[in-house]
Amino acid sequence: MKKIIEFIQHTMQSFKNSMDQYGEARIVFYESMSALSEQKIISFNKAYTKKHGAIL
């Protein structure tokens, strides 16, 4: 019985660790995506300004 409980605790801890890593990876991914989006918006604004002579 003790072995089963230890196994379950170990499994739960491993799952928790992998979920923590997944969460961190997701945060890093979203941060990099938002940086890309910002660059895209800035370059789009510059291109629009050149084409239309408007200041955005």
C-alpha atoms as a PDB file:
ATOM      1  CA  MET A   1       0.000   0.000   0.000  1.00  0.00           C
ATOM      2  CA  LYS A   2       2.817   2.380   0.899  1.00  0.00           C
ATOM      3  CA  LYS A   3       4.461   1.722  -2.497  1.00  0.00           C
ATOM      4  CA  ILE A   4       1.242   2.631  -4.305  1.00  0.00           C
ATOM      5  CA  ILE A   5       0.913   5.907  -2.383  1.00  0.00           C
ATOM      6  CA  GLU A   6       4.576   6.763  -3.091  1.00  0.00           C
ATOM      7  CA  PHE A   7       4.039   5.987  -6.776  1.00  0.00           C
ATOM      8  CA  ILE A   8       0.953   8.232  -6.927  1.00  0.00           C
ATOM      9  CA  GLN A   9       2.778  11.062  -5.122  1.00  0.00           C
ATOM     10  CA  HIS A  10       5.723  10.748  -7.493  1.00  0.00           C
ATOM     11  CA  THR A  11       3.396  10.767 -10.508  1.00  0.00           C
ATOM     12  CA  MET A  12       1.550  13.829  -9.245  1.00  0.00           C
ATOM     13  CA  GLN A  13       4.839  15.659  -8.592  1.00  0.00           C
ATOM     14  CA  SER A  14       6.134  14.804 -12.077  1.00  0.00           C
ATOM     15  CA  PHE A  15       2.865  16.012 -13.590  1.00  0.00           C
ATOM     16  CA  LYS A  16       3.036  19.260 -11.595  1.00  0.00           C
ATOM     17  CA  ASN A  17       6.646  19.850 -12.710  1.00  0.00           C
ATOM     18  CA  SER A  18       5.826  19.262 -16.363  1.00  0.00           C
ATOM     19  CA  MET A  19       2.816  21.588 -16.127  1.00  0.00           C
ATOM     20  CA  ASP A  20       5.056  24.291 -14.598  1.00  0.00           C
ATOM     21  CA  GLN A  21       7.500  23.903 -17.496  1.00  0.00           C
ATOM     22  CA  TYR A  22       4.612  23.978 -19.990  1.00  0.00           C
ATOM     23  CA  GLY A  23       3.285  27.181 -18.399  1.00  0.00           C
ATOM     24  CA  GLU A  24       6.688  28.856 -18.550  1.00  0.00           C
ATOM     25  CA  ALA A  25       7.177  27.814 -22.167  1.00  0.00           C
ATOM     26  CA  ARG A  26       3.747  29.198 -23.052  1.00  0.00           C
ATOM     27  CA  ILE A  27       4.527  32.535 -21.383  1.00  0.00           C
ATOM     28  CA  VAL A  28       7.831  32.820 -23.267  1.00  0.00           C
ATOM     29  CA  PHE A  29       6.052  31.887 -26.518  1.00  0.00           C
ATOM     30  CA  TYR A  30       3.370  34.536 -26.040  1.00  0.00           C
ATOM     31  CA  GLU A  31       5.953  37.169 -25.121  1.00  0.00           C
ATOM     32  CA  SER A  32       7.880  36.443 -28.318  1.00  0.00           C
ATOM     33  CA  MET A  33       4.663  36.468 -30.361  1.00  0.00           C
ATOM     34  CA  SER A  34       3.574  39.837 -28.955  1.00  0.00           C
ATOM     35  CA  ALA A  35       7.013  41.266 -29.772  1.00  0.00           C
ATOM     36  CA  LEU A  36       6.608  40.022 -33.354  1.00  0.00           C
ATOM     37  CA  SER A  37       3.132  41.523 -33.598  1.00  0.00           C
ATOM     38  CA  GLU A  38       4.441  44.858 -32.350  1.00  0.00           C
ATOM     39  CA  GLN A  39       7.150  44.847 -35.022  1.00  0.00           C
ATOM     40  CA  LYS A  40       4.565  43.964 -37.662  1.00  0.00           C
ATOM     41  CA  ILE A  41       2.291  46.830 -36.589  1.00  0.00           C
ATOM     42  CA  ILE A  42       5.187  49.323 -36.510  1.00  0.00           C
ATOM     43  CA  SER A  43       6.409  48.314 -39.985  1.00  0.00           C
ATOM     44  CA  PHE A  44       2.834  48.413 -41.331  1.00  0.00           C
ATOM     45  CA  ASN A  45       2.401  51.935 -39.907  1.00  0.00           C
ATOM     46  CA  LYS A  46       5.682  53.055 -41.499  1.00  0.00           C
ATOM     47  CA  ALA A  47       4.682  51.609 -44.870  1.00  0.00           C
ATOM     48  CA  TYR A  48       1.230  53.218 -44.628  1.00  0.00           C
ATOM     49  CA  THR A  49       2.777  56.577 -43.703  1.00  0.00           C
ATOM     50  CA  LYS A  50       5.118  56.434 -46.705  1.00  0.00           C
ATOM     51  CA  LYS A  51       2.324  55.478 -49.072  1.00  0.00           C
ATOM     52  CA  HIS A  52      -0.316  57.939 -47.873  1.00  0.00           C
ATOM     53  CA  GLY A  53       1.819  60.693 -46.377  1.00  0.00           C
ATOM     54  CA  ALA A  54      -0.174  60.445 -43.133  1.00  0.00           C
ATOM     55  CA  ILE A  55       1.382  60.496 -39.696  1.00  0.00           C
ATOM     56  CA  LEU A  56       0.060  57.751 -37.493  1.00  0.00           C
END
